[in-house]
Amino acid sequence: MTDASRSELKSRIKAILVDRLKLDRAPESIGDDEPLFGPEGLGLDSIDALELVLGVEQEFGVKIENEEVGMEALASVSGLADFIVAKKPSLAVS
């Protein structure tokens, strides 16, 4: 995956976060490795996680099978990008 295509994927993920979760911040202000959950990151909760999973499934056509996989995949924007590319390698081609 090129740096440009990885950057585009992360931008799409950030846009989903802001749009679907109605976050009061610009997508570009979200750090790639910023934790999505907990007080030290975006502070998302379990309801946000469900909405994010739905958004990822609809946007990228990949399923997060269970909570264990989800905890790892949803740790950060970078983690989610890695998960999506692993599930759908065609997204890595740009």
Protein backbone atom coordinates (compact mmCIF):
# COMPACT_ATOMS: atom_id res chain seq x y z
CA MET A 1 0.00 0.00 0.00
CA THR A 2 1.36 3.38 -0.93
CA ASP A 3 1.61 6.15 1.63
CA ALA A 4 -0.96 8.13 -0.37
CA SER A 5 -3.52 5.31 -0.41
CA ARG A 6 -3.00 4.60 3.30
CA SER A 7 -3.44 8.30 4.03
CA GLU A 8 -6.65 8.36 1.96
CA LEU A 9 -7.99 5.32 3.85
CA LYS A 10 -7.26 6.97 7.19
CA SER A 11 -8.96 10.17 6.00
CA ARG A 12 -12.06 8.16 5.09
CA ILE A 13 -12.05 6.51 8.52
CA LYS A 14 -11.75 9.88 10.25
CA ALA A 15 -14.63 11.25 8.17
CA ILE A 16 -16.77 8.26 9.23
CA LEU A 17 -15.89 8.92 12.87
CA VAL A 18 -16.89 12.58 12.70
CA ASP A 19 -19.97 12.06 10.53
CA ARG A 20 -21.50 8.95 12.11
CA LEU A 21 -20.64 9.80 15.70
CA LYS A 22 -21.41 13.51 15.38
CA LEU A 23 -18.03 14.45 16.83
CA ASP A 24 -17.48 18.14 17.41
CA ARG A 25 -14.08 18.31 15.77
CA ALA A 26 -12.53 18.29 12.32
CA PRO A 27 -11.54 14.90 10.88
CA GLU A 28 -7.97 16.08 10.31
CA SER A 29 -7.63 16.91 14.02
CA ILE A 30 -7.89 13.20 14.91
CA GLY A 31 -4.46 11.63 15.29
CA ASP A 32 -3.76 8.39 13.44
CA ASP A 33 -2.61 6.69 16.65
CA GLU A 34 -4.91 8.55 19.06
CA PRO A 35 -6.92 6.07 21.15
CA LEU A 36 -10.56 6.00 20.10
CA PHE A 37 -11.81 4.91 23.54
CA GLY A 38 -11.07 6.17 27.02
CA PRO A 39 -10.43 9.60 28.49
CA GLU A 40 -6.96 9.93 26.93
CA GLY A 41 -8.39 9.64 23.40
CA LEU A 42 -11.65 10.49 21.67
CA GLY A 43 -13.62 9.16 24.62
CA LEU A 44 -15.90 6.91 22.57
CA ASP A 45 -18.24 4.51 24.39
CA SER A 46 -19.93 1.20 23.58
CA ILE A 47 -22.78 2.87 21.67
CA ASP A 48 -20.21 4.73 19.56
CA ALA A 49 -18.43 1.42 18.94
CA LEU A 50 -21.62 -0.12 17.54
CA GLU A 51 -22.20 2.85 15.26
CA LEU A 52 -18.58 2.80 14.11
CA VAL A 53 -18.73 -0.94 13.36
CA LEU A 54 -21.86 -0.35 11.25
CA GLY A 55 -20.18 2.51 9.43
CA VAL A 56 -17.09 0.44 8.66
CA GLU A 57 -19.23 -2.46 7.41
CA GLN A 58 -21.26 -0.18 5.16
CA GLU A 59 -18.35 1.89 3.86
CA PHE A 60 -15.73 -0.81 3.36
CA GLY A 61 -17.71 -4.06 3.29
CA VAL A 62 -15.70 -5.69 6.11
CA LYS A 63 -17.11 -7.30 9.23
CA ILE A 64 -15.69 -7.05 12.71
CA GLU A 65 -16.55 -10.56 13.87
CA ASN A 66 -16.45 -10.25 17.65
CA GLU A 67 -15.56 -8.06 20.60
CA GLU A 68 -11.98 -9.32 20.86
CA VAL A 69 -11.26 -8.49 17.22
CA GLY A 70 -13.11 -5.21 17.59
CA MET A 71 -11.07 -4.11 20.61
CA GLU A 72 -7.87 -4.48 18.62
CA ALA A 73 -9.23 -3.10 15.33
CA LEU A 74 -10.93 -0.12 16.96
CA ALA A 75 -7.98 0.93 19.09
CA SER A 76 -7.03 3.78 16.74
CA VAL A 77 -7.46 5.04 13.20
CA SER A 78 -4.20 3.28 12.24
CA GLY A 79 -5.42 0.02 13.79
CA LEU A 80 -8.69 0.25 11.93
CA ALA A 81 -6.89 0.97 8.64
CA ASP A 82 -4.65 -2.09 9.17
CA PHE A 83 -7.72 -4.24 9.91
CA ILE A 84 -9.57 -3.04 6.80
CA VAL A 85 -6.59 -3.65 4.52
CA ALA A 86 -6.05 -7.12 6.00
CA LYS A 87 -9.73 -7.99 5.37
CA LYS A 88 -9.99 -6.33 1.97
CA PRO A 89 -6.58 -6.12 0.27
CA SER A 90 -8.15 -4.54 -2.82
CA LEU A 91 -8.44 -1.31 -0.82
CA ALA A 92 -4.66 -1.21 -0.62
CA VAL A 93 -4.38 -0.69 -4.37
CA SER A 94 -4.64 2.89 -5.40
